[in-house]
N, C-alpha and C. Protein backbone atom coordinates (compact mmCIF):
# COMPACT_ATOMS: atom_id res chain seq x y z
N UNK A 1 0.21 -3.12 -4.45
CA UNK A 1 -0.07 -4.48 -4.88
C UNK A 1 0.94 -5.43 -4.26
N UNK A 2 0.43 -6.48 -3.61
CA UNK A 2 1.31 -7.50 -3.03
C UNK A 2 1.66 -8.52 -4.11
N UNK A 3 2.89 -9.00 -4.07
CA UNK A 3 3.30 -10.02 -5.03
C UNK A 3 4.48 -10.80 -4.46
N UNK A 4 4.77 -11.93 -5.09
CA UNK A 4 5.94 -12.73 -4.71
C UNK A 4 6.95 -12.61 -5.83
N UNK A 5 8.13 -12.12 -5.49
CA UNK A 5 9.19 -11.89 -6.48
C UNK A 5 10.30 -12.90 -6.29
N UNK A 6 10.87 -13.37 -7.41
CA UNK A 6 12.00 -14.30 -7.36
C UNK A 6 13.27 -13.52 -7.65
N UNK A 7 14.23 -13.60 -6.74
CA UNK A 7 15.48 -12.83 -6.85
C UNK A 7 16.68 -13.76 -6.74
N UNK A 8 17.83 -13.23 -7.13
CA UNK A 8 19.09 -13.98 -7.01
C UNK A 8 20.14 -13.12 -6.33
N UNK A 9 21.03 -13.76 -5.62
CA UNK A 9 22.10 -13.05 -4.92
C UNK A 9 23.22 -14.04 -4.60
N UNK A 10 24.29 -13.52 -4.06
CA UNK A 10 25.37 -14.34 -3.54
C UNK A 10 25.52 -14.00 -2.06
N UNK A 11 25.44 -15.01 -1.20
CA UNK A 11 25.55 -14.75 0.24
C UNK A 11 26.88 -15.28 0.77
N UNK A 12 27.39 -14.57 1.75
CA UNK A 12 28.62 -15.01 2.43
C UNK A 12 28.22 -15.68 3.74
N UNK A 13 28.60 -16.96 3.87
CA UNK A 13 28.35 -17.68 5.11
C UNK A 13 29.60 -17.55 5.99
N UNK A 14 29.50 -16.86 7.11
CA UNK A 14 30.68 -16.68 7.97
C UNK A 14 31.01 -17.96 8.73
N UNK A 15 32.27 -18.11 9.16
CA UNK A 15 32.68 -19.32 9.90
C UNK A 15 31.81 -19.58 11.13
N UNK A 16 31.28 -18.51 11.75
CA UNK A 16 30.46 -18.68 12.94
C UNK A 16 29.15 -19.41 12.67
N UNK A 17 28.75 -19.53 11.38
CA UNK A 17 27.50 -20.19 11.02
C UNK A 17 27.74 -21.53 10.34
N UNK A 18 28.98 -22.02 10.35
CA UNK A 18 29.27 -23.27 9.68
C UNK A 18 28.56 -24.46 10.33
N UNK A 19 28.18 -24.35 11.58
CA UNK A 19 27.49 -25.45 12.26
C UNK A 19 26.00 -25.46 11.95
N UNK A 20 25.51 -24.39 11.30
CA UNK A 20 24.09 -24.28 10.94
C UNK A 20 23.89 -24.83 9.53
N UNK A 21 22.69 -25.35 9.26
CA UNK A 21 22.42 -25.85 7.90
C UNK A 21 22.59 -24.70 6.91
N UNK A 22 23.06 -25.04 5.72
CA UNK A 22 23.38 -24.03 4.70
C UNK A 22 22.15 -23.17 4.38
N UNK A 23 21.00 -23.82 4.20
CA UNK A 23 19.78 -23.09 3.86
C UNK A 23 19.38 -22.15 4.99
N UNK A 24 19.40 -22.64 6.22
CA UNK A 24 19.01 -21.82 7.37
C UNK A 24 19.92 -20.61 7.52
N UNK A 25 21.21 -20.82 7.31
CA UNK A 25 22.18 -19.72 7.41
C UNK A 25 21.93 -18.69 6.32
N UNK A 26 21.70 -19.18 5.10
CA UNK A 26 21.47 -18.27 3.97
C UNK A 26 20.20 -17.45 4.17
N UNK A 27 19.12 -18.09 4.63
CA UNK A 27 17.86 -17.38 4.85
C UNK A 27 18.04 -16.31 5.92
N UNK A 28 18.77 -16.62 6.99
CA UNK A 28 19.00 -15.65 8.06
C UNK A 28 19.74 -14.42 7.53
N UNK A 29 20.73 -14.66 6.67
CA UNK A 29 21.50 -13.56 6.09
C UNK A 29 20.64 -12.74 5.14
N UNK A 30 19.84 -13.42 4.33
CA UNK A 30 18.94 -12.72 3.40
C UNK A 30 17.91 -11.87 4.14
N UNK A 31 17.37 -12.40 5.23
CA UNK A 31 16.39 -11.66 6.03
C UNK A 31 17.01 -10.37 6.56
N UNK A 32 18.22 -10.48 7.08
CA UNK A 32 18.90 -9.30 7.64
C UNK A 32 19.18 -8.26 6.56
N UNK A 33 19.50 -8.73 5.36
CA UNK A 33 19.85 -7.83 4.27
C UNK A 33 18.64 -7.19 3.59
N UNK A 34 17.59 -7.99 3.37
CA UNK A 34 16.50 -7.52 2.52
C UNK A 34 15.22 -7.09 3.23
N UNK A 35 14.85 -7.76 4.31
CA UNK A 35 13.56 -7.43 4.92
C UNK A 35 13.53 -6.00 5.43
N UNK A 36 12.44 -5.30 5.12
CA UNK A 36 12.24 -3.88 5.46
C UNK A 36 12.98 -2.94 4.51
N UNK A 37 13.60 -3.49 3.48
CA UNK A 37 14.28 -2.66 2.48
C UNK A 37 13.26 -2.09 1.49
N UNK A 38 13.55 -0.91 0.95
CA UNK A 38 12.72 -0.33 -0.11
C UNK A 38 13.54 -0.32 -1.38
N UNK A 39 13.00 -0.93 -2.42
CA UNK A 39 13.67 -1.03 -3.70
C UNK A 39 12.88 -0.25 -4.74
N UNK A 40 13.57 0.51 -5.57
CA UNK A 40 12.89 1.36 -6.55
C UNK A 40 12.04 0.56 -7.52
N UNK A 41 12.42 -0.69 -7.81
CA UNK A 41 11.67 -1.52 -8.76
C UNK A 41 10.65 -2.42 -8.06
N UNK A 42 11.04 -3.00 -6.93
CA UNK A 42 10.18 -3.97 -6.25
C UNK A 42 9.26 -3.33 -5.21
N UNK A 43 9.61 -2.15 -4.74
CA UNK A 43 8.83 -1.52 -3.68
C UNK A 43 9.33 -1.95 -2.31
N UNK A 44 8.41 -2.31 -1.44
CA UNK A 44 8.74 -2.69 -0.07
C UNK A 44 8.94 -4.20 0.02
N UNK A 45 10.12 -4.63 0.44
CA UNK A 45 10.39 -6.05 0.62
C UNK A 45 9.99 -6.41 2.05
N UNK A 46 8.94 -7.21 2.16
CA UNK A 46 8.35 -7.48 3.46
C UNK A 46 8.95 -8.71 4.14
N UNK A 47 9.09 -9.80 3.37
CA UNK A 47 9.51 -11.06 4.01
C UNK A 47 10.18 -11.99 3.00
N UNK A 48 11.22 -12.68 3.47
CA UNK A 48 11.86 -13.73 2.68
C UNK A 48 11.07 -15.02 2.92
N UNK A 49 10.62 -15.65 1.85
CA UNK A 49 9.75 -16.82 1.99
C UNK A 49 10.48 -18.15 1.81
N UNK A 50 11.32 -18.24 0.80
CA UNK A 50 11.95 -19.51 0.45
C UNK A 50 13.29 -19.23 -0.21
N UNK A 51 14.22 -20.18 -0.10
CA UNK A 51 15.53 -19.98 -0.71
C UNK A 51 16.12 -21.31 -1.18
N UNK A 52 16.75 -21.28 -2.35
CA UNK A 52 17.49 -22.43 -2.88
C UNK A 52 18.95 -22.03 -2.94
N UNK A 53 19.79 -22.73 -2.20
CA UNK A 53 21.20 -22.36 -2.08
C UNK A 53 22.08 -23.36 -2.82
N UNK A 54 23.03 -22.84 -3.59
CA UNK A 54 24.00 -23.69 -4.28
C UNK A 54 24.96 -24.24 -3.23
N UNK A 55 24.97 -25.55 -3.07
CA UNK A 55 25.81 -26.16 -2.04
C UNK A 55 27.30 -25.99 -2.33
N UNK A 56 27.66 -25.88 -3.61
CA UNK A 56 29.07 -25.70 -3.96
C UNK A 56 29.41 -24.22 -3.87
N UNK A 57 30.07 -23.84 -2.80
CA UNK A 57 30.43 -22.44 -2.59
C UNK A 57 31.85 -22.14 -3.06
N UNK A 58 32.24 -20.89 -2.91
CA UNK A 58 33.59 -20.46 -3.27
C UNK A 58 34.27 -19.82 -2.07
N UNK A 59 35.57 -19.90 -2.06
CA UNK A 59 36.34 -19.27 -0.98
C UNK A 59 37.30 -18.26 -1.59
N UNK A 60 37.56 -17.22 -0.83
CA UNK A 60 38.49 -16.18 -1.27
C UNK A 60 39.67 -16.18 -0.30
N UNK A 61 40.88 -16.09 -0.86
CA UNK A 61 42.09 -16.10 -0.04
C UNK A 61 42.03 -15.00 1.03
N UNK A 62 42.28 -15.41 2.26
CA UNK A 62 42.28 -14.44 3.36
C UNK A 62 40.91 -14.24 3.98
N UNK A 63 39.87 -14.90 3.43
CA UNK A 63 38.51 -14.78 3.95
C UNK A 63 38.05 -16.16 4.41
N UNK A 64 37.68 -16.26 5.67
CA UNK A 64 37.29 -17.57 6.22
C UNK A 64 35.89 -18.00 5.84
N UNK A 65 35.10 -17.13 5.25
CA UNK A 65 33.73 -17.47 4.89
C UNK A 65 33.64 -18.15 3.54
N UNK A 66 32.45 -18.67 3.22
CA UNK A 66 32.21 -19.27 1.92
C UNK A 66 31.09 -18.48 1.23
N UNK A 67 31.17 -18.41 -0.10
CA UNK A 67 30.22 -17.63 -0.89
C UNK A 67 29.36 -18.57 -1.74
N UNK A 68 28.04 -18.39 -1.64
CA UNK A 68 27.12 -19.29 -2.33
C UNK A 68 26.08 -18.50 -3.12
N UNK A 69 25.79 -18.97 -4.33
CA UNK A 69 24.70 -18.39 -5.10
C UNK A 69 23.38 -18.85 -4.50
N UNK A 70 22.40 -17.96 -4.46
CA UNK A 70 21.11 -18.31 -3.89
C UNK A 70 19.99 -17.68 -4.70
N UNK A 71 18.95 -18.47 -4.94
CA UNK A 71 17.73 -17.98 -5.58
C UNK A 71 16.65 -18.00 -4.50
N UNK A 72 15.95 -16.89 -4.32
CA UNK A 72 14.99 -16.84 -3.22
C UNK A 72 13.73 -16.07 -3.62
N UNK A 73 12.66 -16.34 -2.87
CA UNK A 73 11.38 -15.68 -3.08
C UNK A 73 11.13 -14.69 -1.94
N UNK A 74 10.59 -13.52 -2.32
CA UNK A 74 10.31 -12.49 -1.32
C UNK A 74 8.91 -11.94 -1.52
N UNK A 75 8.21 -11.72 -0.42
CA UNK A 75 6.90 -11.08 -0.47
C UNK A 75 7.13 -9.57 -0.55
N UNK A 76 6.59 -8.94 -1.59
CA UNK A 76 6.82 -7.51 -1.79
C UNK A 76 5.50 -6.75 -1.92
N UNK A 77 5.55 -5.46 -1.65
CA UNK A 77 4.40 -4.58 -1.82
C UNK A 77 4.85 -3.43 -2.71
N UNK A 78 4.26 -3.36 -3.90
CA UNK A 78 4.64 -2.34 -4.88
C UNK A 78 3.46 -1.41 -5.14
N UNK A 79 3.48 -0.19 -4.60
CA UNK A 79 2.38 0.75 -4.87
C UNK A 79 2.43 1.23 -6.31
N UNK A 80 1.27 1.18 -7.00
CA UNK A 80 1.20 1.59 -8.39
C UNK A 80 0.32 2.83 -8.53
N UNK A 81 0.72 3.74 -9.40
CA UNK A 81 -0.09 4.92 -9.66
C UNK A 81 -1.47 4.52 -10.18
N UNK A 82 -2.49 5.19 -9.68
CA UNK A 82 -3.90 4.98 -10.03
C UNK A 82 -4.49 3.71 -9.42
N UNK A 83 -3.72 2.97 -8.64
CA UNK A 83 -4.23 1.77 -7.99
C UNK A 83 -5.21 2.15 -6.88
N UNK A 84 -6.30 1.40 -6.76
CA UNK A 84 -7.26 1.61 -5.67
C UNK A 84 -6.81 0.77 -4.48
N UNK A 85 -6.73 1.39 -3.30
CA UNK A 85 -6.28 0.68 -2.10
C UNK A 85 -7.23 0.92 -0.94
N UNK A 86 -7.25 -0.03 -0.03
CA UNK A 86 -7.98 0.11 1.23
C UNK A 86 -6.97 0.38 2.34
N UNK A 87 -7.29 1.27 3.23
CA UNK A 87 -6.36 1.58 4.30
C UNK A 87 -7.06 2.05 5.56
N UNK A 88 -6.30 2.11 6.64
CA UNK A 88 -6.83 2.56 7.93
C UNK A 88 -6.09 3.83 8.34
N UNK A 89 -6.85 4.83 8.76
CA UNK A 89 -6.23 6.08 9.22
C UNK A 89 -5.54 5.83 10.55
N UNK A 90 -4.25 6.14 10.61
CA UNK A 90 -3.47 5.90 11.83
C UNK A 90 -3.04 7.18 12.52
N UNK A 91 -3.17 8.32 11.81
CA UNK A 91 -2.77 9.59 12.44
C UNK A 91 -3.44 10.76 11.73
N UNK A 92 -3.87 11.75 12.50
CA UNK A 92 -4.44 12.99 11.97
C UNK A 92 -3.49 14.12 12.27
N UNK A 93 -3.19 14.93 11.25
CA UNK A 93 -2.30 16.08 11.42
C UNK A 93 -2.99 17.36 10.96
N UNK A 94 -2.31 18.47 11.11
CA UNK A 94 -2.88 19.75 10.67
C UNK A 94 -3.09 19.79 9.17
N UNK A 95 -2.31 19.01 8.42
CA UNK A 95 -2.38 19.07 6.96
C UNK A 95 -3.06 17.85 6.33
N UNK A 96 -3.57 16.94 7.14
CA UNK A 96 -4.25 15.79 6.57
C UNK A 96 -4.19 14.57 7.46
N UNK A 97 -4.08 13.41 6.84
CA UNK A 97 -4.07 12.16 7.59
C UNK A 97 -3.07 11.18 6.99
N UNK A 98 -2.52 10.33 7.85
CA UNK A 98 -1.67 9.24 7.38
C UNK A 98 -2.48 7.96 7.41
N UNK A 99 -2.45 7.25 6.29
CA UNK A 99 -3.28 6.06 6.11
C UNK A 99 -2.39 4.84 5.92
N UNK A 100 -2.60 3.82 6.72
CA UNK A 100 -1.80 2.59 6.62
C UNK A 100 -2.30 1.75 5.46
N UNK A 101 -1.44 1.57 4.45
CA UNK A 101 -1.76 0.69 3.32
C UNK A 101 -0.63 -0.34 3.21
N UNK A 102 -0.95 -1.59 3.40
CA UNK A 102 0.10 -2.60 3.37
C UNK A 102 1.09 -2.36 4.49
N UNK A 103 2.41 -2.35 4.17
CA UNK A 103 3.43 -2.21 5.21
C UNK A 103 3.84 -0.76 5.49
N UNK A 104 3.18 0.20 4.86
CA UNK A 104 3.63 1.58 4.98
C UNK A 104 2.44 2.54 5.13
N UNK A 105 2.76 3.82 5.33
CA UNK A 105 1.72 4.84 5.48
C UNK A 105 1.73 5.77 4.28
N UNK A 106 0.54 6.12 3.81
CA UNK A 106 0.39 7.06 2.70
C UNK A 106 -0.21 8.36 3.23
N UNK A 107 0.09 9.46 2.56
CA UNK A 107 -0.43 10.76 2.99
C UNK A 107 -1.70 11.12 2.23
N UNK A 108 -2.74 11.39 2.99
CA UNK A 108 -3.99 11.91 2.44
C UNK A 108 -4.07 13.37 2.85
N UNK A 109 -3.69 14.27 1.93
CA UNK A 109 -3.69 15.70 2.25
C UNK A 109 -5.12 16.20 2.36
N UNK A 110 -5.32 17.23 3.17
CA UNK A 110 -6.66 17.79 3.35
C UNK A 110 -7.32 18.14 2.02
N UNK A 111 -6.52 18.65 1.09
CA UNK A 111 -7.06 19.06 -0.21
C UNK A 111 -7.53 17.88 -1.04
N UNK A 112 -7.16 16.65 -0.62
CA UNK A 112 -7.52 15.45 -1.37
C UNK A 112 -8.60 14.61 -0.69
N UNK A 113 -9.18 15.14 0.38
CA UNK A 113 -10.20 14.39 1.11
C UNK A 113 -11.55 14.49 0.40
N UNK A 114 -12.01 15.73 0.17
CA UNK A 114 -13.30 15.96 -0.49
C UNK A 114 -13.42 17.43 -0.86
N UNK A 115 -14.43 17.75 -1.64
CA UNK A 115 -14.68 19.13 -2.05
C UNK A 115 -15.57 19.79 -0.99
N UNK A 116 -14.95 20.23 0.09
CA UNK A 116 -15.68 20.81 1.22
C UNK A 116 -14.66 21.57 2.06
N UNK A 117 -15.15 22.41 2.95
CA UNK A 117 -14.25 23.09 3.88
C UNK A 117 -13.96 22.13 5.02
N UNK A 118 -12.67 21.81 5.22
CA UNK A 118 -12.30 20.82 6.22
C UNK A 118 -11.50 21.43 7.36
N UNK A 119 -11.65 20.83 8.51
CA UNK A 119 -10.91 21.28 9.69
C UNK A 119 -10.35 20.07 10.41
N UNK A 120 -9.05 20.13 10.73
CA UNK A 120 -8.40 19.04 11.46
C UNK A 120 -8.39 19.34 12.95
N UNK A 121 -8.87 18.39 13.72
CA UNK A 121 -8.79 18.49 15.17
C UNK A 121 -7.77 17.44 15.61
N UNK A 122 -6.51 17.86 15.66
CA UNK A 122 -5.42 16.93 15.93
C UNK A 122 -5.57 16.29 17.31
N UNK A 123 -5.98 17.07 18.28
CA UNK A 123 -6.12 16.57 19.65
C UNK A 123 -7.15 15.45 19.73
N UNK A 124 -8.26 15.59 19.02
CA UNK A 124 -9.31 14.57 19.04
C UNK A 124 -9.10 13.51 17.97
N UNK A 125 -8.13 13.75 17.07
CA UNK A 125 -7.84 12.78 15.99
C UNK A 125 -8.97 12.66 15.01
N UNK A 126 -9.47 13.82 14.52
CA UNK A 126 -10.62 13.79 13.62
C UNK A 126 -10.54 14.91 12.59
N UNK A 127 -11.05 14.66 11.40
CA UNK A 127 -11.19 15.67 10.35
C UNK A 127 -12.69 15.86 10.11
N UNK A 128 -13.13 17.12 10.15
CA UNK A 128 -14.56 17.41 10.04
C UNK A 128 -14.83 18.25 8.80
N UNK A 129 -15.86 17.88 8.02
CA UNK A 129 -16.29 18.65 6.86
C UNK A 129 -17.41 19.58 7.29
N UNK A 130 -17.26 20.86 7.01
CA UNK A 130 -18.20 21.87 7.52
C UNK A 130 -19.58 21.76 6.89
N UNK A 131 -19.66 21.56 5.57
CA UNK A 131 -20.95 21.56 4.88
C UNK A 131 -21.68 20.21 4.97
N UNK A 132 -20.96 19.13 4.71
CA UNK A 132 -21.60 17.81 4.69
C UNK A 132 -21.63 17.12 6.05
N UNK A 133 -20.83 17.64 7.01
CA UNK A 133 -20.72 17.05 8.35
C UNK A 133 -20.08 15.66 8.33
N UNK A 134 -19.48 15.29 7.21
CA UNK A 134 -18.77 14.02 7.17
C UNK A 134 -17.49 14.11 7.99
N UNK A 135 -17.07 12.98 8.54
CA UNK A 135 -15.88 12.98 9.38
C UNK A 135 -14.96 11.82 9.02
N UNK A 136 -13.69 12.02 9.32
CA UNK A 136 -12.69 10.96 9.26
C UNK A 136 -11.96 10.98 10.59
N UNK A 137 -11.68 9.82 11.13
CA UNK A 137 -10.98 9.78 12.41
C UNK A 137 -9.99 8.63 12.44
N UNK A 138 -9.12 8.65 13.42
CA UNK A 138 -8.16 7.56 13.58
C UNK A 138 -8.94 6.26 13.76
N UNK A 139 -8.60 5.27 12.95
CA UNK A 139 -9.30 3.99 12.99
C UNK A 139 -10.28 3.82 11.85
N UNK A 140 -10.64 4.93 11.15
CA UNK A 140 -11.56 4.84 10.02
C UNK A 140 -10.91 4.06 8.87
N UNK A 141 -11.70 3.24 8.20
CA UNK A 141 -11.25 2.53 7.01
C UNK A 141 -11.70 3.30 5.78
N UNK A 142 -10.79 3.55 4.87
CA UNK A 142 -11.14 4.32 3.67
C UNK A 142 -10.67 3.60 2.41
N UNK A 143 -11.29 4.00 1.32
CA UNK A 143 -10.90 3.52 -0.02
C UNK A 143 -10.33 4.73 -0.74
N UNK A 144 -9.14 4.58 -1.31
CA UNK A 144 -8.47 5.72 -1.95
C UNK A 144 -7.73 5.28 -3.20
N UNK A 145 -7.31 6.28 -3.98
CA UNK A 145 -6.54 6.02 -5.19
C UNK A 145 -5.13 6.59 -5.02
N UNK A 146 -4.13 5.82 -5.41
CA UNK A 146 -2.74 6.29 -5.31
C UNK A 146 -2.46 7.30 -6.42
N UNK A 147 -1.98 8.47 -6.04
CA UNK A 147 -1.71 9.54 -7.01
C UNK A 147 -0.23 9.91 -7.11
N UNK A 148 0.57 9.49 -6.15
CA UNK A 148 2.00 9.82 -6.18
C UNK A 148 2.80 8.73 -5.47
N UNK A 149 3.91 8.33 -6.10
CA UNK A 149 4.79 7.32 -5.52
C UNK A 149 6.24 7.76 -5.71
N UNK A 150 6.99 7.76 -4.62
CA UNK A 150 8.41 8.10 -4.69
C UNK A 150 9.19 7.07 -3.89
N UNK A 151 9.92 6.22 -4.63
CA UNK A 151 10.73 5.17 -4.00
C UNK A 151 12.16 5.29 -4.52
N UNK A 152 12.94 6.15 -3.93
CA UNK A 152 14.31 6.36 -4.36
C UNK A 152 15.17 5.14 -4.09
N UNK A 153 16.25 5.02 -4.84
CA UNK A 153 17.14 3.86 -4.67
C UNK A 153 17.74 3.79 -3.28
N UNK A 154 18.03 4.95 -2.70
CA UNK A 154 18.67 4.95 -1.38
C UNK A 154 17.67 5.34 -0.29
N UNK A 155 16.38 5.26 -0.61
CA UNK A 155 15.37 5.73 0.34
C UNK A 155 15.23 4.78 1.51
N UNK A 156 15.08 5.34 2.71
CA UNK A 156 14.79 4.54 3.88
C UNK A 156 13.29 4.55 4.12
N UNK A 157 12.62 5.55 3.59
CA UNK A 157 11.17 5.63 3.68
C UNK A 157 10.61 6.12 2.35
N UNK A 158 9.66 5.37 1.82
CA UNK A 158 9.05 5.81 0.57
C UNK A 158 8.00 6.87 0.85
N UNK A 159 7.57 7.57 -0.19
CA UNK A 159 6.53 8.58 -0.06
C UNK A 159 5.39 8.24 -1.01
N UNK A 160 4.19 8.12 -0.45
CA UNK A 160 3.01 7.77 -1.24
C UNK A 160 1.91 8.78 -0.96
N UNK A 161 1.31 9.29 -2.04
CA UNK A 161 0.20 10.22 -1.90
C UNK A 161 -1.07 9.57 -2.40
N UNK A 162 -2.19 9.81 -1.72
CA UNK A 162 -3.47 9.23 -2.13
C UNK A 162 -4.56 10.30 -2.16
N UNK A 163 -5.66 9.99 -2.84
CA UNK A 163 -6.78 10.92 -2.92
C UNK A 163 -8.10 10.18 -2.70
N UNK A 164 -9.09 10.92 -2.18
CA UNK A 164 -10.46 10.41 -2.04
C UNK A 164 -11.42 11.29 -2.82
N UNK A 165 -10.88 12.25 -3.59
CA UNK A 165 -11.73 13.20 -4.32
C UNK A 165 -12.15 12.66 -5.69
N UNK A 166 -12.71 11.49 -5.68
CA UNK A 166 -13.26 10.88 -6.89
C UNK A 166 -14.47 10.05 -6.49
N UNK A 167 -15.37 9.77 -7.41
CA UNK A 167 -16.57 9.00 -7.07
C UNK A 167 -16.24 7.64 -6.44
N UNK A 168 -17.01 7.28 -5.44
CA UNK A 168 -16.92 5.98 -4.77
C UNK A 168 -15.59 5.76 -4.06
N UNK A 169 -15.00 6.86 -3.60
CA UNK A 169 -13.81 6.78 -2.75
C UNK A 169 -14.12 7.45 -1.42
N UNK A 170 -13.32 7.15 -0.40
CA UNK A 170 -13.51 7.76 0.90
C UNK A 170 -13.90 6.73 1.94
N UNK A 171 -14.57 7.19 3.00
CA UNK A 171 -15.01 6.28 4.07
C UNK A 171 -16.10 5.35 3.57
N UNK A 172 -16.25 4.21 4.23
CA UNK A 172 -17.21 3.20 3.80
C UNK A 172 -18.64 3.74 3.74
N UNK A 173 -19.02 4.55 4.75
CA UNK A 173 -20.38 5.07 4.77
C UNK A 173 -20.61 6.10 3.65
N UNK A 174 -19.55 6.83 3.26
CA UNK A 174 -19.69 7.77 2.14
C UNK A 174 -19.99 7.00 0.86
N UNK A 175 -19.25 5.93 0.65
CA UNK A 175 -19.41 5.13 -0.57
C UNK A 175 -20.80 4.52 -0.61
N UNK A 176 -21.28 4.03 0.55
CA UNK A 176 -22.62 3.45 0.62
C UNK A 176 -23.68 4.49 0.24
N UNK A 177 -23.49 5.72 0.70
CA UNK A 177 -24.43 6.80 0.36
C UNK A 177 -24.41 7.09 -1.14
N UNK A 178 -23.21 7.11 -1.73
CA UNK A 178 -23.09 7.39 -3.16
C UNK A 178 -23.74 6.28 -4.00
N UNK A 179 -23.55 5.03 -3.58
CA UNK A 179 -24.15 3.91 -4.31
C UNK A 179 -25.67 3.98 -4.23
N UNK A 180 -26.18 4.30 -3.02
CA UNK A 180 -27.63 4.42 -2.83
C UNK A 180 -28.20 5.55 -3.68
N UNK A 181 -27.51 6.68 -3.68
CA UNK A 181 -27.94 7.83 -4.46
C UNK A 181 -27.91 7.52 -5.95
N UNK A 182 -26.85 6.83 -6.38
CA UNK A 182 -26.70 6.46 -7.78
C UNK A 182 -27.84 5.54 -8.22
N UNK A 183 -28.23 4.62 -7.33
CA UNK A 183 -29.32 3.69 -7.63
C UNK A 183 -30.64 4.41 -7.79
N UNK A 184 -30.89 5.39 -6.94
CA UNK A 184 -32.12 6.17 -7.02
C UNK A 184 -32.18 6.97 -8.32
N UNK A 185 -31.02 7.54 -8.69
CA UNK A 185 -30.98 8.33 -9.92
C UNK A 185 -31.25 7.46 -11.13
N UNK A 186 -30.70 6.23 -11.12
CA UNK A 186 -30.93 5.30 -12.23
C UNK A 186 -32.40 4.94 -12.32
N UNK A 187 -33.05 4.70 -11.16
CA UNK A 187 -34.46 4.36 -11.12
C UNK A 187 -35.29 5.51 -11.67
N UNK A 188 -34.89 6.73 -11.31
CA UNK A 188 -35.59 7.92 -11.79
C UNK A 188 -35.49 8.05 -13.29
N UNK A 189 -34.30 7.77 -13.82
CA UNK A 189 -34.09 7.85 -15.27
C UNK A 189 -34.97 6.84 -16.00
N UNK A 190 -35.08 5.62 -15.45
CA UNK A 190 -35.89 4.58 -16.08
C UNK A 190 -37.37 4.96 -16.06
N UNK A 191 -37.80 5.56 -14.92
CA UNK A 191 -39.20 5.97 -14.80
C UNK A 191 -39.53 7.04 -15.82
N UNK A 192 -38.61 8.01 -15.96
CA UNK A 192 -38.82 9.08 -16.93
C UNK A 192 -38.88 8.51 -18.35
N UNK A 193 -38.04 7.52 -18.62
CA UNK A 193 -38.00 6.92 -19.96
C UNK A 193 -39.33 6.22 -20.26
N UNK A 194 -39.89 5.54 -19.25
CA UNK A 194 -41.16 4.85 -19.43
C UNK A 194 -42.29 5.85 -19.70
N UNK A 195 -42.26 6.98 -18.95
CA UNK A 195 -43.28 8.01 -19.14
C UNK A 195 -43.22 8.56 -20.57
N UNK A 196 -42.01 8.81 -21.04
CA UNK A 196 -41.84 9.35 -22.40
C UNK A 196 -42.32 8.34 -23.44
N UNK A 197 -42.07 7.04 -23.19
CA UNK A 197 -42.48 6.01 -24.13
C UNK A 197 -44.00 5.94 -24.21
N UNK A 198 -44.68 6.04 -23.05
CA UNK A 198 -46.14 6.01 -23.00
C UNK A 198 -46.72 7.19 -23.77
N UNK A 199 -46.11 8.38 -23.56
CA UNK A 199 -46.57 9.60 -24.25
C UNK A 199 -46.44 9.47 -25.75
N UNK A 200 -45.34 8.86 -26.20
CA UNK A 200 -45.11 8.68 -27.64
C UNK A 200 -46.14 7.73 -28.21
N UNK A 201 -46.46 6.64 -27.48
CA UNK A 201 -47.43 5.66 -27.95
C UNK A 201 -48.83 6.25 -28.04
N UNK A 202 -49.13 7.20 -27.15
CA UNK A 202 -50.42 7.86 -27.20
C UNK A 202 -50.53 8.70 -28.46
């Protein structure tokens, strides 16, 4: 889930940036510190959007820089358990596929693709289902549910697991087939109900 988070910090403006506007200097420092960071609570910090800097800074003896309190907004991506996400397959491996969701990649293990015998063709970048003949390949867009999230405090890369083994998940054409099939079944149920009603009235 993408969101905008409001955070607070204290930034040190070095003497080399004294000729730059306070806000511009603070934003540059915040970008270097926070962008691409993974936080256990916020998830992936993608971009610093806005900052309000306290013009009255503090100085520390022996330090030529000034310290300023700053309140800033950041665009974040926080993966939530059971959340439905759309993603693009970016890599096929022997054990599954990596799917790009937001700013990161999630693992779709072979066992979580579908209830079928699957085979990965890494060279061709494709996963093939033996019984249904359904396929997934690099570039395919899929709908999946998040089943595992690991964002450690000191993590440089988070770990996200997803599944397509639930109704109306998977590749777009699979979902279209399921919706069509579901519609036919509903129509059949209504027809049967009408027949039973006619028989009762007779």
